Amino acid sequence: MISIGNFFFKYRNFVFIFLYLALALPSPPIFTRAVFGSHYYLWPISIGLLITVTGQLIRGASIGLVYIVRGGRDGKVYAENLVTAGMFNHCRNPLYVGNILMLAGVGVLSNSVLYTAVFIPLFLFIYQAIVLAEEQFLRAKFGPEFEAYCQRVNRWLPKIQGLRATFEHHRFNARRWILKEYNTQFVWLAGISLVLLLTYPQLTGHDPELRNKILGGALLLLSIVYGGLKYAKKSGRMTAE
């Protein structure tokens, strides 16, 4: 598993591209008109958005509360420090939990049995392998400190107790969250827009022309915001502090 984890760690960014492309594969629906009635589409939309937004909130809190040096150097697991504060005081892998919920929510949003039953379990397997590889590195580098951390904090299931105190103790850095996450936010929001408008013609009254106008406008707006944030970051006009 560790060797598999090291392999996928190196190519983990490509995994997301593959998983987003998999949303386009035809699949039987999870929610059907026959079972849930004429407004069946409200079920995958509401449940999917709830799950995926929850994942994004967890990612946002993880990045905004405590500065994280993204793990990895030359395609290999690496870390300067053992981060145990902020959301990492409640779960050892809050960013990965956020990613899983984001993609699982998009799978439900797309109303795809294939995606939720095949690709999400595959994603979980890949992340489990990556985490085991990361833990091997952290255990070798930080020894008893990491072992004590593992005893105190769950690998996957977030601990709710003390969450309010965490937010009171740490100042949420919105600028850092924006600058670190604008790439993820762009892909995520663009994906949601595509899934909603292409999967559910009911939202635009079965009018392809209206759908295309809304979709084009949404993607254009997201692109403008993305370009502005990228320029602000590269030019130094906007910093995390």
Protein backbone atom coordinates (compact mmCIF):
# COMPACT_ATOMS: atom_id res chain seq x y z
CA MET A 1 0.00 0.00 0.00
CA ILE A 2 2.83 2.41 0.83
CA SER A 3 4.49 1.96 -2.57
CA ILE A 4 1.09 2.56 -4.19
CA GLY A 5 0.68 5.65 -2.03
CA ASN A 6 4.08 7.03 -3.06
CA PHE A 7 3.17 6.52 -6.71
CA PHE A 8 -0.17 8.30 -6.45
CA PHE A 9 1.32 11.06 -4.28
CA LYS A 10 3.59 11.98 -7.17
CA TYR A 11 0.68 12.12 -9.62
CA ARG A 12 -2.11 13.16 -7.21
CA ASN A 13 -3.00 16.31 -9.16
CA PHE A 14 -3.74 14.22 -12.24
CA VAL A 15 -6.10 12.07 -10.19
CA PHE A 16 -8.45 15.03 -9.82
CA ILE A 17 -8.44 15.67 -13.56
CA PHE A 18 -9.26 12.02 -14.20
CA LEU A 19 -12.08 12.04 -11.64
CA TYR A 20 -13.65 15.18 -13.06
CA LEU A 21 -13.54 13.74 -16.57
CA ALA A 22 -15.21 10.59 -15.25
CA LEU A 23 -18.30 12.66 -14.45
CA ALA A 24 -19.04 12.70 -18.18
CA LEU A 25 -19.38 8.91 -18.38
CA PRO A 26 -22.97 7.72 -18.92
CA SER A 27 -24.51 6.05 -15.89
CA PRO A 28 -27.84 4.92 -14.44
CA PRO A 29 -29.27 7.60 -12.11
CA ILE A 30 -29.33 7.39 -8.33
CA PHE A 31 -32.60 9.30 -8.09
CA THR A 32 -35.31 8.56 -10.67
CA ARG A 33 -38.64 10.10 -11.59
CA ALA A 34 -40.34 6.73 -11.06
CA VAL A 35 -39.34 6.61 -7.40
CA PHE A 36 -39.07 10.26 -6.37
CA GLY A 37 -41.69 11.87 -8.59
CA SER A 38 -41.54 14.71 -11.10
CA HIS A 39 -39.28 16.81 -8.90
CA TYR A 40 -36.78 13.97 -8.41
CA TYR A 41 -33.90 16.22 -9.52
CA LEU A 42 -34.20 18.32 -6.36
CA TRP A 43 -32.87 15.37 -4.34
CA PRO A 44 -29.44 14.99 -6.00
CA ILE A 45 -29.09 18.78 -6.25
CA SER A 46 -29.81 19.46 -2.58
CA ILE A 47 -27.93 16.45 -1.16
CA GLY A 48 -25.00 16.82 -3.57
CA LEU A 49 -24.57 20.53 -2.86
CA LEU A 50 -24.76 19.96 0.89
CA ILE A 51 -22.00 17.33 0.76
CA THR A 52 -19.69 19.17 -1.64
CA VAL A 53 -20.06 22.55 0.11
CA THR A 54 -19.31 20.86 3.46
CA GLY A 55 -16.09 19.52 1.94
CA GLN A 56 -15.14 22.96 0.69
CA LEU A 57 -15.83 24.49 4.11
CA ILE A 58 -13.54 21.92 5.75
CA ARG A 59 -10.78 22.70 3.25
CA GLY A 60 -11.28 26.42 3.75
CA ALA A 61 -11.11 26.14 7.54
CA SER A 62 -7.99 23.96 7.32
CA ILE A 63 -6.13 26.49 5.19
CA GLY A 64 -7.52 29.67 6.70
CA LEU A 65 -6.90 28.85 10.36
CA VAL A 66 -3.31 27.54 10.27
CA TYR A 67 -0.61 28.08 7.65
CA ILE A 68 0.25 24.85 5.88
CA VAL A 69 3.36 24.22 3.85
CA ARG A 70 2.00 21.87 1.21
CA GLY A 71 3.59 18.47 1.59
CA GLY A 72 5.86 17.18 -1.11
CA ARG A 73 9.25 17.83 -2.63
CA ASP A 74 10.39 16.52 -6.02
CA GLY A 75 7.24 14.42 -6.24
CA LYS A 76 7.90 12.72 -2.90
CA VAL A 77 6.32 13.00 0.54
CA TYR A 78 8.00 15.74 2.57
CA ALA A 79 7.19 18.01 5.51
CA GLU A 80 9.16 20.65 7.40
CA ASN A 81 6.93 20.61 10.49
CA LEU A 82 4.26 18.46 12.07
CA VAL A 83 1.10 20.57 11.90
CA THR A 84 -1.28 19.72 14.75
CA ALA A 85 -3.18 22.98 15.29
CA GLY A 86 -6.35 24.34 13.74
CA MET A 87 -8.41 21.73 11.92
CA PHE A 88 -5.47 19.34 12.25
CA ASN A 89 -6.31 19.22 15.95
CA HIS A 90 -9.59 17.55 15.00
CA CYS A 91 -8.54 15.31 12.12
CA ARG A 92 -5.12 14.25 10.84
CA ASN A 93 -6.14 14.73 7.20
CA PRO A 94 -8.78 17.48 7.04
CA LEU A 95 -7.77 18.58 3.54
CA TYR A 96 -8.20 15.06 2.21
CA VAL A 97 -11.53 14.71 4.02
CA GLY A 98 -12.59 17.95 2.35
CA ASN A 99 -11.49 16.66 -1.06
CA ILE A 100 -13.38 13.40 -0.61
CA LEU A 101 -16.58 15.19 0.37
CA MET A 102 -16.22 17.67 -2.49
CA LEU A 103 -15.93 14.93 -5.11
CA ALA A 104 -18.52 12.67 -3.48
CA GLY A 105 -20.94 15.59 -3.43
CA VAL A 106 -20.32 16.33 -7.10
CA GLY A 107 -20.94 12.64 -7.84
CA VAL A 108 -24.31 12.78 -6.09
CA LEU A 109 -25.01 16.12 -7.77
CA SER A 110 -24.44 14.48 -11.17
CA ASN A 111 -26.91 11.74 -10.13
CA SER A 112 -24.45 9.06 -11.23
CA VAL A 113 -24.51 5.54 -9.82
CA LEU A 114 -21.29 4.73 -11.68
CA TYR A 115 -19.40 7.66 -10.19
CA THR A 116 -20.54 7.20 -6.60
CA ALA A 117 -20.29 3.40 -6.62
CA VAL A 118 -17.03 2.97 -8.56
CA PHE A 119 -14.95 6.13 -8.77
CA ILE A 120 -15.48 7.41 -5.23
CA PRO A 121 -14.40 4.06 -3.68
CA LEU A 122 -11.40 4.12 -6.04
CA PHE A 123 -10.63 7.65 -4.82
CA LEU A 124 -10.88 6.47 -1.19
CA PHE A 125 -8.44 3.64 -1.90
CA ILE A 126 -5.96 6.05 -3.50
CA TYR A 127 -6.17 8.47 -0.57
CA GLN A 128 -5.79 5.69 1.97
CA ALA A 129 -2.60 4.58 0.20
CA ILE A 130 -1.28 8.16 0.04
CA VAL A 131 -1.99 8.73 3.74
CA LEU A 132 -0.18 5.51 4.72
CA ALA A 133 2.85 6.66 2.72
CA GLU A 134 2.73 10.09 4.38
CA GLU A 135 2.40 8.55 7.82
CA GLN A 136 5.45 6.37 7.23
CA PHE A 137 7.47 9.50 6.46
CA LEU A 138 6.07 11.45 9.43
CA ARG A 139 6.62 8.57 11.82
CA ALA A 140 10.25 8.26 10.71
CA LYS A 141 10.89 12.02 10.97
CA PHE A 142 8.93 13.01 14.08
CA GLY A 143 8.88 9.71 15.98
CA PRO A 144 7.16 9.85 19.39
CA GLU A 145 5.65 13.27 18.65
CA PHE A 146 3.77 11.86 15.68
CA GLU A 147 2.80 8.70 17.55
CA ALA A 148 1.29 10.81 20.35
CA TYR A 149 -0.57 12.86 17.75
CA CYS A 150 -1.98 9.68 16.18
CA GLN A 151 -3.19 8.51 19.58
CA ARG A 152 -4.98 11.81 20.16
CA VAL A 153 -6.46 12.60 16.73
CA ASN A 154 -8.36 10.38 14.26
CA ARG A 155 -6.97 9.74 10.80
CA TRP A 156 -10.28 10.33 8.99
CA LEU A 157 -13.26 10.98 11.28
CA PRO A 158 -13.17 14.63 12.45
CA LYS A 159 -13.59 15.24 16.16
CA ILE A 160 -16.30 17.84 16.76
CA GLN A 161 -15.43 18.42 20.42
CA GLY A 162 -13.47 21.64 20.91
CA LEU A 163 -14.20 22.95 17.41
CA ARG A 164 -15.62 26.22 18.71
CA ALA A 165 -12.52 26.81 20.82
CA THR A 166 -10.34 26.21 17.76
CA PHE A 167 -12.11 28.95 15.81
CA GLU A 168 -11.91 31.30 18.81
CA HIS A 169 -8.21 30.63 19.28
CA HIS A 170 -7.16 31.06 15.63
CA ARG A 171 -7.88 34.02 13.36
CA PHE A 172 -9.30 32.93 10.03
CA ASN A 173 -7.07 34.32 7.28
CA ALA A 174 -9.44 34.86 4.34
CA ARG A 175 -6.70 36.19 2.06
CA ARG A 176 -4.57 33.10 2.59
CA TRP A 177 -7.57 30.89 1.86
CA ILE A 178 -8.32 32.78 -1.37
CA LEU A 179 -4.74 32.83 -2.61
CA LYS A 180 -4.13 29.17 -1.81
CA GLU A 181 -7.49 27.97 -3.09
CA TYR A 182 -8.42 30.01 -6.14
CA ASN A 183 -7.33 27.24 -8.50
CA THR A 184 -9.40 24.64 -6.62
CA GLN A 185 -12.32 27.05 -6.30
CA PHE A 186 -12.34 27.77 -10.03
CA VAL A 187 -12.33 24.10 -11.04
CA TRP A 188 -14.91 23.20 -8.38
CA LEU A 189 -17.34 26.01 -9.21
CA ALA A 190 -16.95 25.50 -12.95
CA GLY A 191 -17.62 21.79 -12.47
CA ILE A 192 -20.74 22.45 -10.40
CA SER A 193 -22.02 24.90 -13.02
CA LEU A 194 -21.51 22.38 -15.82
CA VAL A 195 -23.12 19.53 -13.91
CA LEU A 196 -26.15 21.56 -12.83
CA LEU A 197 -26.92 23.12 -16.20
CA LEU A 198 -26.07 20.17 -18.44
CA THR A 199 -27.64 17.47 -16.26
CA TYR A 200 -30.83 19.23 -15.26
CA PRO A 201 -32.62 20.99 -18.15
CA GLN A 202 -35.49 21.56 -15.70
CA LEU A 203 -33.49 24.40 -14.12
CA THR A 204 -33.69 26.44 -17.34
CA GLY A 205 -37.17 25.39 -18.41
CA HIS A 206 -35.80 22.95 -21.00
CA ASP A 207 -34.54 25.95 -22.99
CA PRO A 208 -31.08 25.15 -24.49
CA GLU A 209 -30.49 28.76 -25.51
CA LEU A 210 -31.14 30.06 -21.99
CA ARG A 211 -28.99 27.27 -20.55
CA ASN A 212 -26.07 28.16 -22.82
CA LYS A 213 -26.34 31.86 -21.95
CA ILE A 214 -26.33 31.19 -18.21
CA LEU A 215 -23.52 28.65 -18.49
CA GLY A 216 -21.43 30.92 -20.70
CA GLY A 217 -21.97 33.85 -18.36
CA ALA A 218 -21.08 31.79 -15.28
CA LEU A 219 -17.88 30.44 -16.85
CA LEU A 220 -16.91 33.90 -18.11
CA LEU A 221 -17.43 35.44 -14.66
CA LEU A 222 -15.43 32.66 -13.00
CA SER A 223 -12.63 33.12 -15.55
CA ILE A 224 -12.48 36.88 -14.94
CA VAL A 225 -12.33 36.41 -11.16
CA TYR A 226 -9.73 33.65 -11.56
CA GLY A 227 -7.57 35.81 -13.83
CA GLY A 228 -7.83 38.76 -11.47
CA LEU A 229 -6.79 36.71 -8.45
CA LYS A 230 -3.93 35.10 -10.34
CA TYR A 231 -2.66 38.51 -11.44
CA ALA A 232 -3.01 39.93 -7.92
CA LYS A 233 -1.00 37.03 -6.49
CA LYS A 234 1.74 37.01 -9.13
CA SER A 235 2.16 40.79 -9.04
CA GLY A 236 2.27 40.93 -5.26
CA ARG A 237 -0.76 43.23 -5.08
CA MET A 238 -2.45 40.69 -2.83
CA THR A 239 -0.60 38.73 -0.18
CA ALA A 240 -1.65 36.21 2.43
CA GLU A 241 -0.79 38.51 5.32
